[in-house]
């Protein structure tokens, strides 16, 4: 599906305008469109350009929230985990996790076993296996490289892993299939009378659109959107930085979830393209675009990994890194202690009502969107999203086909592209698993507009895009041939800009420009 040309929107009226195409905004747009409301989804950058491509990539109930006593949130998240496993099997997969216990810190073995038992009970009719206790020897065998000094045993339980940017894309595709208009690279610049003003960041056109209800799903930028729209009052959002490191891929699917001596939980999550480790929870105001992990976060994460693993990873072992900024409610105390339940603040606009989302979890995006649309529009009855598969989630499961794990049943679109030209089945790059048809598909069917849209948020790899000069030049030539918009004309400038963006994303762990 192609991006909507903002010029086509001028003077149009909708039932709902959603600002922000991260996971929350995408889910709200899908929910409302499936309820037969007319919807416009507006995004100043690209789909999932911020927090929703920088998470821990887990679909889980949240053991930390259980420790905080937030049983309702955990129960809801576990129910949504089960829905996503069923409705989006190509993007959400069961993940076996090991929680080890050490004699030199990291929490009580017996309390953890009790908590994981409660976690399993709250999951009710879960299709995932029940937890089981492991001896220290069995835990060390199950997860090679686990520190054995002071290891007192472990519990194995199940959660789920995902690819966050593609999960967000699936929600946007679902919204568009239900009739929503999607305008990426389109910025809200203010109110004019009873209309919102939008500026096309690719063509510079300014248009006006109207809706009685506007959802502000800008996450950590929610207060900036409120200011742009002239809403008074104090800030609603407090932002927290969550950094992650990526190590080399490791065999097997077993992940680690371990409480550290400081009370935080640390994840070590194997993916086919790298082992994701995180996260931090540090107060940090987001000014401008997101940066990468600072040196202090990298040091903290490496120290945490040193507590869990033997040998301890060093900076030389880090293949990639990134940081995301969470939207939290303003409040006192450390950010990790603030609740993650999303809520909505309603305020007046000249155009109608502004509904600002504060907080939220990746796992509960669907259930929160259902509540929001019911609250705003008075919709009755169960949402169709409770059982309707996300795009790609229907049809046979081709688990032996690597492309299915990225595209699901939409793999048929790729096969159609290859049928047009057999050469499009060739690898795009020898260092990454993608084929040329996936780049073409991103531009034709997945709302990608710029070269960075394709390389960073459609052809998603755990260690980032390949930065080899020849590979980038080849990818750019295909991009230029297939691009649906007259953007990114200068190859040298565009490739240099992508390298710079990757260096910023990696933060203080930036690699040499020629790294693959």
Protein backbone atom coordinates (compact mmCIF):
# COMPACT_ATOMS: atom_id res chain seq x y z
CA UNK A 1 0.00 0.00 0.00
CA UNK A 2 1.45 3.38 -0.92
CA UNK A 3 1.67 6.45 1.28
CA UNK A 4 -1.23 8.89 0.94
CA UNK A 5 -0.26 12.09 -0.87
CA UNK A 6 -1.03 14.85 1.68
CA UNK A 7 -2.28 17.10 -1.13
CA UNK A 8 -5.19 14.70 -1.61
CA UNK A 9 -6.26 15.34 1.99
CA UNK A 10 -6.82 19.09 1.74
CA UNK A 11 -10.16 20.16 3.29
CA UNK A 12 -11.18 16.56 3.95
CA UNK A 13 -13.05 15.64 7.14
CA UNK A 14 -12.60 12.46 9.17
CA UNK A 15 -14.18 10.95 12.25
CA UNK A 16 -10.71 10.57 13.80
CA UNK A 17 -7.20 11.83 13.17
CA UNK A 18 -4.38 9.90 14.86
CA UNK A 19 -1.03 11.68 15.29
CA UNK A 20 1.89 9.26 15.53
CA UNK A 21 2.40 5.91 13.77
CA UNK A 22 4.14 4.02 16.52
CA UNK A 23 2.53 0.89 17.94
CA UNK A 24 -0.13 2.78 19.96
CA UNK A 25 -1.21 5.09 17.13
CA UNK A 26 -1.19 2.23 14.62
CA UNK A 27 -3.38 0.09 16.89
CA UNK A 28 -5.86 2.93 17.49
CA UNK A 29 -6.10 3.61 13.75
CA UNK A 30 -6.74 -0.08 13.04
CA UNK A 31 -9.33 -0.38 15.79
CA UNK A 32 -11.23 2.71 14.66
CA UNK A 33 -11.11 1.81 10.97
CA UNK A 34 -12.45 -1.68 11.69
CA UNK A 35 -15.29 0.00 13.59
CA UNK A 36 -16.20 1.69 10.27
CA UNK A 37 -14.97 5.13 11.33
CA UNK A 38 -13.14 7.32 8.83
CA UNK A 39 -9.54 7.59 9.99
CA UNK A 40 -6.43 9.54 9.06
CA UNK A 41 -3.11 8.36 10.51
CA UNK A 42 -0.43 11.08 10.37
CA UNK A 43 3.28 10.53 11.05
CA UNK A 44 5.99 13.19 10.84
CA UNK A 45 8.68 10.62 10.03
CA UNK A 46 8.27 6.95 9.14
CA UNK A 47 6.25 4.15 10.69
CA UNK A 48 7.86 3.04 13.97
CA UNK A 49 10.65 5.57 13.51
CA UNK A 50 10.97 6.15 17.26
CA UNK A 51 10.29 4.05 20.33
CA UNK A 52 8.40 1.33 18.45
CA UNK A 53 11.55 0.19 16.64
CA UNK A 54 13.75 0.48 19.75
CA UNK A 55 12.11 -1.80 22.32
CA UNK A 56 13.25 -5.03 23.99
CA UNK A 57 11.15 -6.85 21.35
CA UNK A 58 9.26 -8.89 23.93
CA UNK A 59 5.56 -9.70 24.12
CA UNK A 60 5.24 -10.50 27.80
CA UNK A 61 3.22 -10.02 30.94
CA UNK A 62 6.02 -8.25 32.76
CA UNK A 63 7.55 -10.03 35.74
CA UNK A 64 8.71 -6.65 37.06
CA UNK A 65 5.10 -5.43 37.18
CA UNK A 66 4.13 -8.59 39.02
CA UNK A 67 6.82 -7.80 41.60
CA UNK A 68 5.24 -4.33 41.92
CA UNK A 69 1.85 -5.93 42.64
CA UNK A 70 0.20 -4.78 39.39
CA UNK A 71 -1.72 -8.01 38.81
CA UNK A 72 -4.35 -6.44 36.53
CA UNK A 73 -1.75 -5.20 34.04
CA UNK A 74 0.06 -8.54 34.06
CA UNK A 75 -3.19 -10.47 33.52
CA UNK A 76 -4.17 -8.20 30.61
CA UNK A 77 -0.72 -8.43 29.03
CA UNK A 78 -0.70 -12.22 29.27
CA UNK A 79 -4.11 -12.41 27.60
CA UNK A 80 -2.86 -10.15 24.81
CA UNK A 81 0.28 -12.26 24.47
CA UNK A 82 -1.94 -15.25 23.72
CA UNK A 83 -3.94 -13.27 21.13
CA UNK A 84 -0.80 -12.15 19.35
CA UNK A 85 0.62 -15.67 19.27
CA UNK A 86 -2.59 -16.72 17.53
CA UNK A 87 -3.27 -13.69 15.31
CA UNK A 88 0.29 -12.84 14.29
CA UNK A 89 2.27 -16.11 14.42
CA UNK A 90 4.89 -15.00 11.89
CA UNK A 91 5.94 -12.02 14.02
CA UNK A 92 5.23 -13.22 17.58
CA UNK A 93 6.83 -16.51 18.57
CA UNK A 94 7.00 -18.47 21.84
CA UNK A 95 10.21 -17.80 23.74
CA UNK A 96 11.57 -20.15 26.42
CA UNK A 97 13.22 -18.14 29.19
CA UNK A 98 15.53 -19.13 32.00
CA UNK A 99 15.53 -17.25 35.30
CA UNK A 100 18.74 -18.18 37.16
CA UNK A 101 19.35 -17.67 40.88
CA UNK A 102 22.75 -16.73 42.31
CA UNK A 103 23.95 -16.77 45.89
CA UNK A 104 25.61 -13.35 45.51
CA UNK A 105 22.47 -11.36 44.63
CA UNK A 106 19.67 -11.11 42.16
CA UNK A 107 16.63 -11.87 44.31
CA UNK A 108 15.16 -14.72 46.29
CA UNK A 109 15.00 -18.12 44.62
CA UNK A 110 11.81 -19.10 46.43
CA UNK A 111 10.04 -15.79 45.86
CA UNK A 112 10.93 -15.96 42.18
CA UNK A 113 9.54 -19.48 41.89
CA UNK A 114 6.37 -18.34 43.62
CA UNK A 115 6.12 -15.33 41.33
CA UNK A 116 6.60 -17.34 38.15
CA UNK A 117 4.00 -19.81 39.37
CA UNK A 118 1.55 -16.92 39.84
CA UNK A 119 2.58 -15.56 36.43
CA UNK A 120 1.59 -18.89 34.85
CA UNK A 121 -1.71 -18.96 36.75
CA UNK A 122 -2.57 -15.44 35.57
CA UNK A 123 -2.05 -16.61 31.98
CA UNK A 124 -5.13 -18.85 32.45
CA UNK A 125 -5.73 -20.73 29.18
CA UNK A 126 -2.25 -20.13 27.77
CA UNK A 127 -1.06 -22.55 25.11
CA UNK A 128 2.54 -22.15 26.29
CA UNK A 129 4.21 -24.82 28.43
CA UNK A 130 4.11 -24.56 32.21
CA UNK A 131 7.23 -23.44 34.12
CA UNK A 132 9.64 -26.01 35.56
CA UNK A 133 12.50 -25.90 38.04
CA UNK A 134 16.06 -26.72 36.96
CA UNK A 135 19.08 -27.62 39.01
CA UNK A 136 22.24 -25.54 38.70
CA UNK A 137 23.83 -28.21 36.52
CA UNK A 138 20.80 -28.45 34.23
CA UNK A 139 20.58 -24.65 33.96
CA UNK A 140 24.24 -24.40 32.96
CA UNK A 141 23.74 -27.12 30.35
CA UNK A 142 20.59 -25.49 29.00
CA UNK A 143 22.26 -22.08 28.57
CA UNK A 144 25.95 -22.44 27.70
CA UNK A 145 27.90 -19.44 28.95
CA UNK A 146 25.74 -18.90 32.03
CA UNK A 147 27.90 -18.06 35.06
CA UNK A 148 28.16 -21.17 37.21
CA UNK A 149 29.94 -19.57 40.18
CA UNK A 150 27.25 -19.09 42.83
CA UNK A 151 24.53 -20.52 40.59
CA UNK A 152 21.86 -22.09 42.77
CA UNK A 153 19.39 -23.28 40.13
CA UNK A 154 16.83 -21.75 37.78
CA UNK A 155 13.24 -21.76 36.62
CA UNK A 156 12.34 -22.18 32.96
CA UNK A 157 9.15 -20.45 31.77
CA UNK A 158 7.73 -19.10 28.52
CA UNK A 159 7.00 -15.65 27.13
CA UNK A 160 7.13 -14.43 23.52
CA UNK A 161 9.44 -12.45 21.25
CA UNK A 162 8.60 -10.18 18.34
CA UNK A 163 10.04 -7.79 15.76
CA UNK A 164 8.63 -4.47 16.96
CA UNK A 165 8.89 -2.41 13.76
CA UNK A 166 7.21 -5.11 11.70
CA UNK A 167 4.47 -5.59 14.33
CA UNK A 168 3.77 -1.86 14.09
CA UNK A 169 3.72 -2.12 10.29
CA UNK A 170 1.22 -4.99 10.50
CA UNK A 171 -1.14 -2.79 12.52
CA UNK A 172 -0.82 0.03 9.99
CA UNK A 173 -1.48 -2.39 7.14
CA UNK A 174 -4.57 -3.59 8.98
CA UNK A 175 -5.77 -0.02 9.43
CA UNK A 176 -5.23 0.77 5.75
CA UNK A 177 -6.98 -2.43 4.65
CA UNK A 178 -9.99 -1.30 6.70
CA UNK A 179 -10.03 2.09 4.96
CA UNK A 180 -7.71 4.35 6.99
CA UNK A 181 -5.59 6.88 5.13
CA UNK A 182 -1.89 6.85 6.07
CA UNK A 183 0.24 9.96 5.55
CA UNK A 184 3.85 9.42 6.60
CA UNK A 185 6.49 12.17 6.44
CA UNK A 186 3.62 14.54 7.17
CA UNK A 187 3.92 16.89 10.13
CA UNK A 188 1.19 18.50 12.22
CA UNK A 189 2.15 22.19 12.40
CA UNK A 190 -0.81 23.71 14.24
CA UNK A 191 -4.48 24.62 14.17
CA UNK A 192 -6.11 27.02 11.73
CA UNK A 193 -9.67 27.82 12.72
CA UNK A 194 -11.45 24.50 13.12
CA UNK A 195 -8.85 22.56 11.11
CA UNK A 196 -5.49 20.92 11.71
CA UNK A 197 -2.68 22.10 9.48
CA UNK A 198 -0.37 19.48 8.02
CA UNK A 199 2.88 20.01 6.17
CA UNK A 200 4.20 17.49 3.65
CA UNK A 201 7.87 17.12 4.60
CA UNK A 202 8.68 15.73 1.17
CA UNK A 203 6.92 18.32 -0.98
CA UNK A 204 6.36 21.24 1.42
CA UNK A 205 2.63 21.52 0.68
CA UNK A 206 0.48 22.72 3.61
CA UNK A 207 -3.04 21.28 3.85
CA UNK A 208 -5.96 21.47 6.26
CA UNK A 209 -7.97 18.53 7.61
CA UNK A 210 -10.80 18.29 10.12
CA UNK A 211 -12.02 15.80 12.71
CA UNK A 212 -14.04 16.13 15.93
CA UNK A 213 -11.57 13.80 17.67
CA UNK A 214 -7.77 13.80 17.51
CA UNK A 215 -5.67 11.13 19.24
CA UNK A 216 -2.19 12.26 20.23
CA UNK A 217 -0.14 9.06 20.05
CA UNK A 218 3.24 10.77 19.78
CA UNK A 219 4.69 8.90 22.78
CA UNK A 220 7.66 10.80 24.23
CA UNK A 221 6.78 13.73 21.93
CA UNK A 222 3.18 13.99 23.16
CA UNK A 223 3.77 17.25 25.03
CA UNK A 224 5.46 18.77 21.98
CA UNK A 225 2.36 17.94 19.93
CA UNK A 226 0.14 19.52 22.59
CA UNK A 227 2.23 22.69 22.44
CA UNK A 228 2.08 22.74 18.63
CA UNK A 229 -1.72 22.56 18.82
CA UNK A 230 -1.86 25.40 21.37
CA UNK A 231 -2.96 23.29 24.33
CA UNK A 232 -2.14 24.91 27.66
CA UNK A 233 -1.40 23.22 30.95
CA UNK A 234 1.64 21.50 32.34
CA UNK A 235 3.49 18.57 30.77
CA UNK A 236 1.92 15.14 30.99
CA UNK A 237 4.83 12.94 29.98
CA UNK A 238 8.07 11.97 31.66
CA UNK A 239 10.57 10.22 29.40
CA UNK A 240 12.92 7.38 30.26
CA UNK A 241 15.78 6.04 28.14
CA UNK A 242 16.04 2.30 27.58
CA UNK A 243 19.32 1.18 26.00
CA UNK A 244 20.10 -2.18 24.43
CA UNK A 245 23.20 -3.98 23.20
CA UNK A 246 23.32 -6.64 20.49
CA UNK A 247 25.87 -9.45 20.68
CA UNK A 248 26.54 -12.14 18.08
CA UNK A 249 23.80 -14.67 17.48
CA UNK A 250 23.94 -17.72 19.74
CA UNK A 251 22.57 -21.23 19.11
CA UNK A 252 19.16 -22.17 20.45
CA UNK A 253 16.15 -20.11 21.46
CA UNK A 254 16.51 -20.12 25.25
CA UNK A 255 16.64 -16.60 26.67
CA UNK A 256 17.67 -15.28 30.08
CA UNK A 257 15.50 -13.12 32.34
CA UNK A 258 17.32 -12.41 35.57
CA UNK A 259 16.91 -9.97 38.42
CA UNK A 260 20.14 -8.12 39.18
CA UNK A 261 21.43 -7.09 42.61
CA UNK A 262 20.04 -3.56 41.99
CA UNK A 263 16.52 -5.00 41.57
CA UNK A 264 16.25 -4.43 37.82
CA UNK A 265 15.54 -7.27 35.41
CA UNK A 266 17.98 -8.00 32.61
CA UNK A 267 17.13 -9.89 29.40
CA UNK A 268 19.43 -11.82 27.08
CA UNK A 269 17.29 -12.76 24.08
CA UNK A 270 18.57 -14.86 21.16
CA UNK A 271 17.34 -13.89 17.70
CA UNK A 272 18.52 -15.32 14.40
CA UNK A 273 20.36 -12.08 13.63
CA UNK A 274 21.90 -11.32 17.03
CA UNK A 275 21.46 -11.63 20.79
CA UNK A 276 19.52 -8.69 22.23
CA UNK A 277 20.53 -7.58 25.74
CA UNK A 278 18.88 -4.93 27.88
CA UNK A 279 17.61 -2.71 29.23
CA UNK A 280 18.23 0.47 31.21
CA UNK A 281 15.63 2.80 32.72
CA UNK A 282 17.14 6.28 33.02
CA UNK A 283 15.36 9.64 33.20
CA UNK A 284 16.23 11.53 30.03
CA UNK A 285 14.29 14.30 28.33
CA UNK A 286 14.01 13.70 24.60
CA UNK A 287 15.10 16.81 22.71
CA UNK A 288 15.12 16.49 18.92
CA UNK A 289 15.57 13.07 17.36
CA UNK A 290 16.61 10.02 19.35
CA UNK A 291 20.27 9.41 20.00
CA UNK A 292 22.03 6.20 20.94
CA UNK A 293 23.19 4.63 24.19
CA UNK A 294 25.65 6.82 26.11
CA UNK A 295 28.81 5.31 27.53
CA UNK A 296 27.26 5.02 31.01
CA UNK A 297 24.43 2.83 29.70
CA UNK A 298 26.86 0.62 27.79
CA UNK A 299 28.98 0.21 30.94
CA UNK A 300 25.89 -0.66 33.02
CA UNK A 301 24.68 -3.27 30.53
CA UNK A 302 28.12 -4.86 30.17
CA UNK A 303 28.41 -5.03 33.96
CA UNK A 304 24.96 -6.66 34.11
CA UNK A 305 26.02 -9.19 31.50
CA UNK A 306 29.18 -9.80 33.50
CA UNK A 307 27.00 -10.75 36.47
CA UNK A 308 25.12 -13.30 34.35
CA UNK A 309 27.60 -14.68 31.85
CA UNK A 310 31.05 -16.26 31.89
CA UNK A 311 33.13 -15.14 30.14
CA UNK A 312 31.77 -11.63 30.51
CA UNK A 313 31.19 -9.83 27.19
CA UNK A 314 33.34 -6.79 26.44
CA UNK A 315 32.79 -3.79 24.19
CA UNK A 316 34.60 -5.65 21.44
CA UNK A 317 31.80 -8.25 21.48
CA UNK A 318 29.04 -5.67 20.88
CA UNK A 319 27.78 -5.79 17.29
CA UNK A 320 25.10 -3.10 17.51
CA UNK A 321 23.28 -0.89 20.01
CA UNK A 322 20.27 1.39 20.23
CA UNK A 323 18.19 3.33 22.73
CA UNK A 324 14.47 4.05 22.91
CA UNK A 325 12.62 6.70 24.89
CA UNK A 326 9.57 5.56 26.84
CA UNK A 327 6.52 7.71 27.53
CA UNK A 328 5.78 7.57 31.28
CA UNK A 329 3.33 9.52 33.43
CA UNK A 330 4.91 12.36 35.32
CA UNK A 331 5.50 11.42 38.93
CA UNK A 332 8.05 11.20 41.67
CA UNK A 333 10.48 8.36 42.19
CA UNK A 334 12.69 6.31 39.86
CA UNK A 335 11.28 5.70 36.37
CA UNK A 336 11.31 1.93 36.86
CA UNK A 337 8.77 2.29 39.67
CA UNK A 338 6.23 4.23 37.57
CA UNK A 339 3.31 2.21 36.24
CA UNK A 340 3.19 1.31 32.55
CA UNK A 341 -0.59 1.26 32.15
CA UNK A 342 -1.58 3.65 29.38
CA UNK A 343 -4.24 6.25 30.06
CA UNK A 344 -5.80 9.11 28.11
CA UNK A 345 -5.99 12.81 28.95
CA UNK A 346 -8.81 14.70 27.19
CA UNK A 347 -8.39 18.38 26.35
CA UNK A 348 -10.17 20.94 24.17
CA UNK A 349 -9.02 21.95 20.69
CA UNK A 350 -10.57 24.50 18.31
CA UNK A 351 -11.20 21.48 16.08
CA UNK A 352 -12.86 19.33 18.77
CA UNK A 353 -11.25 17.13 21.42
CA UNK A 354 -7.63 16.05 21.83
CA UNK A 355 -7.04 12.67 23.46
CA UNK A 356 -3.41 12.32 24.55
CA UNK A 357 -2.06 8.84 25.29
CA UNK A 358 0.35 8.67 28.22
CA UNK A 359 2.33 5.50 28.88
CA UNK A 360 1.63 2.13 27.35
CA UNK A 361 3.24 -1.24 26.64
CA UNK A 362 3.99 -2.90 23.34
CA UNK A 363 2.18 -6.04 24.49
CA UNK A 364 -1.14 -4.35 25.35
CA UNK A 365 -1.41 -2.09 22.30
CA UNK A 366 -4.52 -3.83 20.97
CA UNK A 367 -6.53 -3.95 24.21
CA UNK A 368 -5.71 -0.33 24.99
CA UNK A 369 -6.81 0.76 21.50
CA UNK A 370 -10.10 -1.11 21.97
CA UNK A 371 -10.79 0.72 25.24
CA UNK A 372 -9.85 4.11 23.82
CA UNK A 373 -12.12 3.83 20.77
CA UNK A 374 -14.98 2.54 22.90
CA UNK A 375 -14.51 5.43 25.31
CA UNK A 376 -14.29 8.16 22.66
CA UNK A 377 -16.97 6.93 20.25
CA UNK A 378 -19.22 4.88 22.53
CA UNK A 379 -18.75 1.73 20.44
CA UNK A 380 -20.52 -1.34 21.76
CA UNK A 381 -19.75 -4.99 21.48
CA UNK A 382 -16.50 -6.89 21.33
CA UNK A 383 -13.85 -5.53 19.01
CA UNK A 384 -13.17 -7.44 15.78
CA UNK A 385 -9.47 -7.16 16.62
CA UNK A 386 -9.91 -9.73 19.38
CA UNK A 387 -9.95 -12.54 16.83
CA UNK A 388 -9.03 -10.99 13.48
CA UNK A 389 -5.49 -11.91 12.38
CA UNK A 390 -3.10 -9.10 11.65
CA UNK A 391 -2.10 -8.90 7.97
CA UNK A 392 0.21 -11.82 7.27
CA UNK A 393 -1.18 -13.82 10.18
CA UNK A 394 -3.81 -15.66 8.20
CA UNK A 395 -3.30 -18.66 5.93
CA UNK A 396 -0.91 -21.61 6.16
CA UNK A 397 2.21 -21.40 8.31
CA UNK A 398 5.22 -21.88 6.04
CA UNK A 399 7.65 -22.26 8.92
CA UNK A 400 10.38 -23.75 6.72
CA UNK A 401 10.42 -20.60 4.56
CA UNK A 402 12.59 -17.79 6.05
CA UNK A 403 10.57 -15.12 4.23
CA UNK A 404 7.40 -16.27 6.01
CA UNK A 405 8.85 -15.26 9.38
CA UNK A 406 9.07 -11.67 8.14
CA UNK A 407 6.00 -11.42 5.93
CA UNK A 408 3.63 -14.23 6.85
CA UNK A 409 0.96 -14.95 4.25
CA UNK A 410 1.87 -11.67 2.50
CA UNK A 411 4.75 -13.68 1.07
CA UNK A 412 2.38 -14.08 -1.90
CA UNK A 413 3.12 -10.44 -2.81
CA UNK A 414 6.83 -11.22 -2.88
CA UNK A 415 6.26 -14.23 -5.09
CA UNK A 416 4.26 -12.08 -7.45
CA UNK A 417 7.15 -9.60 -7.66
CA UNK A 418 9.62 -12.40 -8.37
CA UNK A 419 7.26 -13.77 -11.02
CA UNK A 420 7.57 -10.42 -12.82
CA UNK A 421 11.39 -10.57 -12.84
CA UNK A 422 13.24 -13.67 -11.66
CA UNK A 423 16.38 -11.64 -10.83
CA UNK A 424 14.49 -10.04 -7.93
CA UNK A 425 14.80 -13.34 -6.03
CA UNK A 426 18.56 -12.77 -5.75
CA UNK A 427 20.16 -11.75 -2.42
CA UNK A 428 20.30 -8.01 -1.95
CA UNK A 429 23.55 -8.34 -0.01
CA UNK A 430 25.80 -11.28 0.98
CA UNK A 431 25.94 -10.06 4.61
CA UNK A 432 22.18 -9.91 5.32
CA UNK A 433 19.36 -12.40 4.60
CA UNK A 434 17.17 -10.15 2.43
CA UNK A 435 16.35 -10.57 -1.24
CA UNK A 436 15.87 -7.77 -3.77
CA UNK A 437 12.13 -8.45 -3.91
CA UNK A 438 11.83 -7.42 -0.26
CA UNK A 439 13.20 -3.96 -1.06
CA UNK A 440 10.76 -3.65 -3.96
CA UNK A 441 7.90 -4.91 -1.77
CA UNK A 442 8.74 -2.35 0.94
CA UNK A 443 8.37 0.49 -1.56
CA UNK A 444 5.29 -0.84 -3.31
CA UNK A 445 3.30 -2.35 -0.48
CA UNK A 446 4.69 -1.34 2.93
CA UNK A 447 4.58 2.48 2.93
CA UNK A 448 8.37 2.93 2.63
CA UNK A 449 9.32 6.25 1.00
CA UNK A 450 12.97 7.06 1.69
CA UNK A 451 16.13 4.96 1.49
CA UNK A 452 16.39 5.04 5.29
CA UNK A 453 12.77 3.84 5.61
CA UNK A 454 13.73 0.75 3.64
CA UNK A 455 17.14 0.00 5.12
CA UNK A 456 16.37 0.71 8.78
CA UNK A 457 12.68 -0.11 9.30
CA UNK A 458 11.63 -2.57 6.57
CA UNK A 459 14.74 -4.67 6.03
CA UNK A 460 15.22 -4.91 9.78
CA UNK A 461 18.31 -6.74 11.03
CA UNK A 462 19.39 -7.09 14.64
CA UNK A 463 22.90 -5.83 13.82
CA UNK A 464 21.67 -2.94 11.69
CA UNK A 465 21.95 -2.51 7.94
CA UNK A 466 25.06 -3.66 6.12
CA UNK A 467 27.29 -0.61 5.60
CA UNK A 468 29.60 -2.11 2.99
CA UNK A 469 29.98 0.44 0.21
CA UNK A 470 29.22 -1.96 -2.63
CA UNK A 471 26.17 -3.38 -0.86
CA UNK A 472 24.76 0.07 -0.14
CA UNK A 473 25.33 1.18 -3.71
CA UNK A 474 23.55 -1.90 -5.05
CA UNK A 475 20.61 -1.39 -2.66
CA UNK A 476 20.41 2.28 -3.61
CA UNK A 477 20.26 1.49 -7.34
CA UNK A 478 17.29 -0.79 -6.78
CA UNK A 479 15.71 1.83 -4.51
CA UNK A 480 16.12 4.57 -7.10
CA UNK A 481 14.59 2.36 -9.78
CA UNK A 482 11.53 1.45 -7.66
CA UNK A 483 10.93 4.50 -5.45
CA UNK A 484 7.33 5.78 -5.58
CA UNK A 485 8.29 9.37 -4.70
CA UNK A 486 10.98 11.65 -6.20
CA UNK A 487 13.18 11.67 -3.08
CA UNK A 488 16.80 10.84 -2.23
CA UNK A 489 18.27 11.69 -5.65
CA UNK A 490 21.95 11.98 -4.69
CA UNK A 491 23.39 8.52 -4.01
CA UNK A 492 26.52 9.73 -2.23
CA UNK A 493 24.58 12.08 0.04
CA UNK A 494 21.87 9.51 0.81
CA UNK A 495 24.35 6.73 1.64
CA UNK A 496 26.41 9.10 3.80
CA UNK A 497 23.23 10.16 5.63
CA UNK A 498 22.33 6.53 6.31
CA UNK A 499 25.80 5.85 7.71
CA UNK A 500 25.45 8.91 9.94
CA UNK A 501 22.03 7.77 11.16
CA UNK A 502 23.38 4.33 12.02
CA UNK A 503 26.31 5.91 13.89
CA UNK A 504 23.87 8.01 15.93
CA UNK A 505 21.71 4.94 16.58
CA UNK A 506 24.71 3.03 17.95
CA UNK A 507 25.67 5.90 20.23
CA UNK A 508 29.02 5.60 21.97
CA UNK A 509 29.50 2.17 20.38
CA UNK A 510 29.59 3.53 16.82
CA UNK A 511 31.50 1.29 14.43
CA UNK A 512 33.82 2.30 11.59
CA UNK A 513 31.94 3.51 8.52
CA UNK A 514 32.77 0.44 6.44
CA UNK A 515 31.48 -2.12 8.93
CA UNK A 516 29.15 -4.82 7.66
